Amino acid sequence: NREKALAVLAFVSIFIIITPALWLVITSFKTNDNIFRFPPQLIPNPFTFENYTQALSGGDFSRYLLNSIFVTGISTVVCLLFSALAAYALTFFRFVGRRVMLLVIVGTQFFPAAILLLPLFRMWAELGLFNTYISLIATYTAVSLSLCTWLLVGFYKAIPDEVLDAATIDGCGKVGLLWRIVLPLALPGVMASGAFVFIGVWQELLLAVTLISDPNLRTVMVGLYRFIGEHRIAWNLLIAASVAVSIPTIIIFGLV
């Protein structure tokens, strides 16, 4: 009975999570007039791909997509590089304040990004880097670094000490130990951390709106607002573009 109850609970939970996503996909193939029909259409009639054609064919949207790919890719790589080194030092090196530093890294996760908007805006403006990719990538890297480091510390600690001792006896130095032993054994953790960073940066909106005002530098999440007018919202195009934008995160999540 307990197993059946857990199975029913799991099914209901999955249904609650998946249903809005499925409805969004179905709605993306409806015309703008049919979106708000009552009773709602379970099967779009007419079934149209024109929403995706109009939403993705615009030159601005393709530029926003390339901007997001560039910013997200660079931020993920840089964050993984620094977090891999930081986690290696925090796990295998013994120095004063190591535990305190790890607690500080974990503690930064309790502060929402919204409280950093004004200080970040002023800092990048005074440095002359406002409205540049440098400010956005550096901010994303800094915001994601603590979580990524904390995740990798957990994976590094799972590596058996016997393996590290054997590699050290064979003449493997600190750098070689990280590159040849630690990173290959912790590769699932590196991939999982990279997926978290990629998905978080790809879906981020608040920092992108604050630090970037140039239309040519906007990310795809900010670009979705072009379907929202002052007096009218193109719901069919907005929904189709939202589904298209979510595909990279679904692929990354599925691969990891």
Protein backbone atom coordinates (compact mmCIF):
# COMPACT_ATOMS: atom_id res chain seq x y z
CA ASN A 1 0.00 0.00 0.00
CA ARG A 2 2.82 2.36 0.83
CA GLU A 3 4.50 1.70 -2.52
CA LYS A 4 1.24 2.33 -4.36
CA ALA A 5 0.68 5.58 -2.47
CA LEU A 6 4.20 6.75 -3.32
CA ALA A 7 3.68 5.78 -6.97
CA VAL A 8 0.42 7.75 -7.11
CA LEU A 9 2.07 10.74 -5.42
CA ALA A 10 4.97 10.60 -7.88
CA PHE A 11 2.58 10.39 -10.84
CA VAL A 12 0.54 13.35 -9.59
CA SER A 13 3.70 15.39 -8.99
CA ILE A 14 5.04 14.66 -12.48
CA PHE A 15 1.63 15.45 -13.98
CA ILE A 16 1.51 18.82 -12.21
CA ILE A 17 5.01 19.67 -13.43
CA ILE A 18 4.67 18.46 -17.02
CA THR A 19 1.13 19.66 -17.79
CA PRO A 20 1.93 23.41 -17.99
CA ALA A 21 4.91 22.69 -20.26
CA LEU A 22 2.85 20.47 -22.55
CA TRP A 23 0.08 23.05 -22.67
CA LEU A 24 2.63 25.73 -23.60
CA VAL A 25 3.90 23.59 -26.48
CA ILE A 26 0.36 22.88 -27.71
CA THR A 27 -0.56 26.55 -27.48
CA SER A 28 2.47 27.54 -29.55
CA PHE A 29 0.80 25.91 -32.58
CA LYS A 30 -2.47 27.84 -32.19
CA THR A 31 -3.46 31.09 -33.83
CA ASN A 32 -3.69 34.16 -31.65
CA ASP A 33 -7.51 34.05 -31.71
CA ASN A 34 -7.68 30.39 -30.63
CA ILE A 35 -5.41 30.80 -27.61
CA PHE A 36 -8.17 32.30 -25.46
CA ARG A 37 -11.07 30.25 -26.78
CA PHE A 38 -13.37 28.65 -24.23
CA PRO A 39 -13.58 25.75 -23.92
CA PRO A 40 -9.89 25.52 -24.79
CA GLN A 41 -8.71 23.43 -27.73
CA LEU A 42 -6.75 20.33 -26.76
CA ILE A 43 -5.70 19.92 -30.39
CA PRO A 44 -4.96 23.16 -32.27
CA ASN A 45 -7.37 23.81 -35.11
CA PRO A 46 -5.94 25.08 -37.34
CA PHE A 47 -2.54 23.60 -36.56
CA THR A 48 0.05 26.18 -37.68
CA PHE A 49 3.84 26.58 -37.71
CA GLU A 50 3.51 30.24 -38.66
CA ASN A 51 4.08 31.34 -35.07
CA TYR A 52 7.58 29.86 -35.07
CA THR A 53 8.29 31.20 -38.55
CA GLN A 54 7.36 34.75 -37.62
CA ALA A 55 9.00 34.66 -34.20
CA LEU A 56 12.34 33.19 -35.30
CA SER A 57 12.69 34.77 -38.72
CA GLY A 58 13.18 38.27 -37.35
CA GLY A 59 16.75 39.51 -37.51
CA ASP A 60 16.63 40.83 -33.97
CA PHE A 61 15.68 37.48 -32.46
CA SER A 62 18.50 35.61 -34.20
CA ARG A 63 20.94 38.23 -32.93
CA TYR A 64 19.60 37.85 -29.39
CA LEU A 65 20.00 34.09 -29.67
CA LEU A 66 23.64 34.38 -30.76
CA ASN A 67 24.28 36.87 -27.95
CA SER A 68 22.92 34.42 -25.39
CA ILE A 69 24.96 31.55 -26.81
CA PHE A 70 28.13 33.64 -26.58
CA VAL A 71 27.50 35.03 -23.09
CA THR A 72 26.29 31.72 -21.66
CA GLY A 73 29.10 29.69 -23.22
CA ILE A 74 31.88 31.99 -22.03
CA SER A 75 30.36 32.36 -18.56
CA THR A 76 30.04 28.60 -18.15
CA VAL A 77 33.62 27.87 -19.25
CA VAL A 78 35.15 30.62 -17.10
CA CYS A 79 33.06 29.64 -14.07
CA LEU A 80 34.02 25.96 -14.40
CA LEU A 81 37.71 26.88 -14.72
CA PHE A 82 37.82 29.01 -11.57
CA SER A 83 35.49 26.77 -9.54
CA ALA A 84 37.52 23.65 -10.41
CA LEU A 85 40.67 25.34 -9.10
CA ALA A 86 38.93 26.78 -6.03
CA ALA A 87 37.30 23.46 -5.14
CA TYR A 88 40.65 21.68 -5.57
CA ALA A 89 42.32 24.06 -3.12
CA LEU A 90 39.48 23.89 -0.61
CA THR A 91 39.38 20.09 -0.71
CA PHE A 92 43.02 18.98 -0.82
CA PHE A 93 45.01 21.89 0.60
CA ARG A 94 45.26 22.57 4.32
CA PHE A 95 45.43 26.25 5.24
CA VAL A 96 44.11 28.57 7.93
CA GLY A 97 40.53 29.69 7.35
CA ARG A 98 39.65 26.94 4.87
CA ARG A 99 36.42 25.99 6.64
CA VAL A 100 35.44 29.62 7.13
CA MET A 101 35.98 30.29 3.44
CA LEU A 102 33.82 27.31 2.51
CA LEU A 103 31.07 28.56 4.84
CA VAL A 104 31.27 32.00 3.24
CA ILE A 105 30.94 30.44 -0.21
CA VAL A 106 27.84 28.53 0.86
CA GLY A 107 26.45 31.58 2.67
CA THR A 108 26.51 33.73 -0.46
CA GLN A 109 23.73 31.55 -1.87
CA PHE A 110 21.30 33.07 0.63
CA PHE A 111 21.57 36.56 -0.87
CA PRO A 112 19.24 37.25 -3.81
CA ALA A 113 20.72 38.80 -6.93
CA ALA A 114 18.27 41.71 -6.73
CA ILE A 115 20.13 43.33 -3.81
CA LEU A 116 23.28 43.50 -5.97
CA LEU A 117 21.73 45.39 -8.89
CA LEU A 118 22.53 48.93 -7.77
CA PRO A 119 26.11 48.22 -6.57
CA LEU A 120 26.85 46.29 -9.76
CA PHE A 121 25.39 49.02 -11.94
CA ARG A 122 27.47 51.72 -10.25
CA MET A 123 30.64 49.62 -10.25
CA TRP A 124 30.54 48.77 -13.95
CA ALA A 125 29.51 52.33 -14.87
CA GLU A 126 32.46 53.80 -12.96
CA LEU A 127 34.83 51.31 -14.61
CA GLY A 128 33.49 52.25 -18.04
CA LEU A 129 32.34 48.69 -18.70
CA PHE A 130 28.59 49.24 -18.49
CA ASN A 131 26.74 47.98 -21.57
CA THR A 132 29.49 45.51 -22.46
CA TYR A 133 29.74 41.74 -22.52
CA ILE A 134 32.63 41.94 -20.06
CA SER A 135 30.39 43.24 -17.28
CA LEU A 136 27.69 40.67 -17.97
CA ILE A 137 30.03 37.68 -18.24
CA ALA A 138 32.03 38.70 -15.16
CA THR A 139 28.83 39.16 -13.14
CA TYR A 140 27.38 35.83 -14.22
CA THR A 141 30.67 34.12 -13.40
CA ALA A 142 30.86 35.69 -9.96
CA VAL A 143 27.23 34.88 -9.15
CA SER A 144 27.55 31.24 -10.26
CA LEU A 145 31.01 30.62 -8.84
CA SER A 146 29.99 29.86 -5.26
CA LEU A 147 27.38 27.24 -6.19
CA CYS A 148 29.67 25.62 -8.73
CA THR A 149 32.57 25.49 -6.27
CA TRP A 150 30.37 24.01 -3.54
CA LEU A 151 29.11 21.29 -5.88
CA LEU A 152 32.62 20.36 -7.03
CA VAL A 153 33.91 20.18 -3.45
CA GLY A 154 31.35 17.45 -2.80
CA PHE A 155 32.45 15.48 -5.85
CA TYR A 156 36.15 15.94 -5.06
CA LYS A 157 35.67 14.60 -1.55
CA ALA A 158 34.18 11.40 -2.99
CA ILE A 159 37.49 10.54 -4.69
CA PRO A 160 39.27 7.79 -2.67
CA ASP A 161 42.45 8.90 -0.90
CA GLU A 162 44.17 5.70 -2.04
CA VAL A 163 43.95 6.80 -5.67
CA LEU A 164 45.46 10.19 -4.89
CA ASP A 165 48.23 8.64 -2.77
CA ALA A 166 49.12 6.19 -5.52
CA ALA A 167 49.31 8.99 -8.08
CA THR A 168 51.49 11.06 -5.76
CA ILE A 169 53.86 8.13 -5.19
CA ASP A 170 54.16 7.72 -8.96
CA GLY A 171 55.46 11.28 -9.16
CA CYS A 172 52.31 13.20 -10.00
CA GLY A 173 52.51 16.83 -8.90
CA LYS A 174 49.74 19.12 -7.72
CA VAL A 175 48.82 20.30 -11.21
CA GLY A 176 49.11 16.82 -12.69
CA LEU A 177 47.00 15.42 -9.87
CA LEU A 178 44.22 17.84 -10.72
CA TRP A 179 44.44 17.41 -14.49
CA ARG A 180 45.06 13.66 -14.73
CA ILE A 181 43.29 12.23 -11.69
CA VAL A 182 40.81 14.57 -9.99
CA LEU A 183 39.05 16.10 -12.99
CA PRO A 184 38.60 12.82 -14.91
CA LEU A 185 37.18 11.09 -11.83
CA ALA A 186 34.95 14.07 -11.03
CA LEU A 187 33.82 14.53 -14.64
CA PRO A 188 30.13 13.83 -13.84
CA GLY A 189 30.27 16.56 -11.22
CA VAL A 190 31.94 18.97 -13.62
CA MET A 191 29.26 18.30 -16.22
CA ALA A 192 26.47 18.71 -13.65
CA SER A 193 27.97 21.96 -12.39
CA GLY A 194 28.35 23.23 -15.94
CA ALA A 195 24.72 22.36 -16.65
CA PHE A 196 23.57 24.32 -13.59
CA VAL A 197 25.61 27.34 -14.66
CA PHE A 198 24.47 27.13 -18.29
CA ILE A 199 20.78 26.84 -17.43
CA GLY A 200 20.96 29.58 -14.80
CA VAL A 201 22.75 32.04 -17.08
CA TRP A 202 20.60 31.20 -20.12
CA GLN A 203 17.36 31.88 -18.22
CA GLU A 204 18.57 34.94 -16.30
CA LEU A 205 16.75 38.21 -16.98
CA LEU A 206 17.22 40.72 -14.16
CA LEU A 207 20.97 41.25 -14.52
CA ALA A 208 20.76 41.23 -18.31
CA VAL A 209 18.17 44.02 -18.26
CA THR A 210 20.17 46.07 -15.74
CA LEU A 211 23.65 45.82 -17.25
CA ILE A 212 22.76 45.87 -20.96
CA SER A 213 20.75 48.61 -22.66
CA ASP A 214 22.14 48.38 -26.19
CA PRO A 215 19.58 46.51 -28.35
CA ASN A 216 22.41 44.85 -30.29
CA LEU A 217 23.81 43.28 -27.11
CA ARG A 218 20.60 42.00 -25.54
CA THR A 219 20.24 38.36 -24.61
CA VAL A 220 17.37 36.22 -25.83
CA MET A 221 15.43 36.47 -22.55
CA VAL A 222 15.39 40.23 -22.84
CA GLY A 223 14.58 39.88 -26.52
CA LEU A 224 11.31 38.14 -25.69
CA TYR A 225 9.98 41.51 -24.59
CA ARG A 226 9.86 42.68 -28.20
CA PHE A 227 6.63 40.68 -28.53
CA ILE A 228 5.06 42.77 -25.75
CA GLY A 229 3.76 46.07 -27.06
CA GLU A 230 2.29 49.06 -25.26
CA HIS A 231 -1.29 48.19 -26.18
CA ARG A 232 -1.08 44.62 -27.43
CA ILE A 233 0.78 41.40 -26.68
CA ALA A 234 1.48 38.95 -29.50
CA TRP A 235 0.80 35.89 -27.35
CA ASN A 236 1.17 33.40 -30.20
CA LEU A 237 4.64 34.70 -31.11
CA LEU A 238 5.70 35.12 -27.48
CA ILE A 239 4.72 31.55 -26.60
CA ALA A 240 6.38 30.10 -29.72
CA ALA A 241 9.58 32.02 -29.02
CA SER A 242 9.52 30.92 -25.36
CA VAL A 243 9.26 27.26 -26.39
CA ALA A 244 12.13 27.68 -28.86
CA VAL A 245 14.29 29.41 -26.24
CA SER A 246 13.74 26.59 -23.72
CA ILE A 247 15.04 23.90 -26.11
CA PRO A 248 18.78 24.41 -25.30
CA THR A 249 18.16 24.07 -21.56
CA ILE A 250 16.10 20.92 -22.12
CA ILE A 251 18.90 19.42 -24.22
CA ILE A 252 21.58 20.30 -21.63
CA PHE A 253 19.45 18.93 -18.79
CA GLY A 254 18.72 15.72 -20.74
CA LEU A 255 22.38 15.11 -21.61
CA VAL A 256 23.54 15.54 -18.03
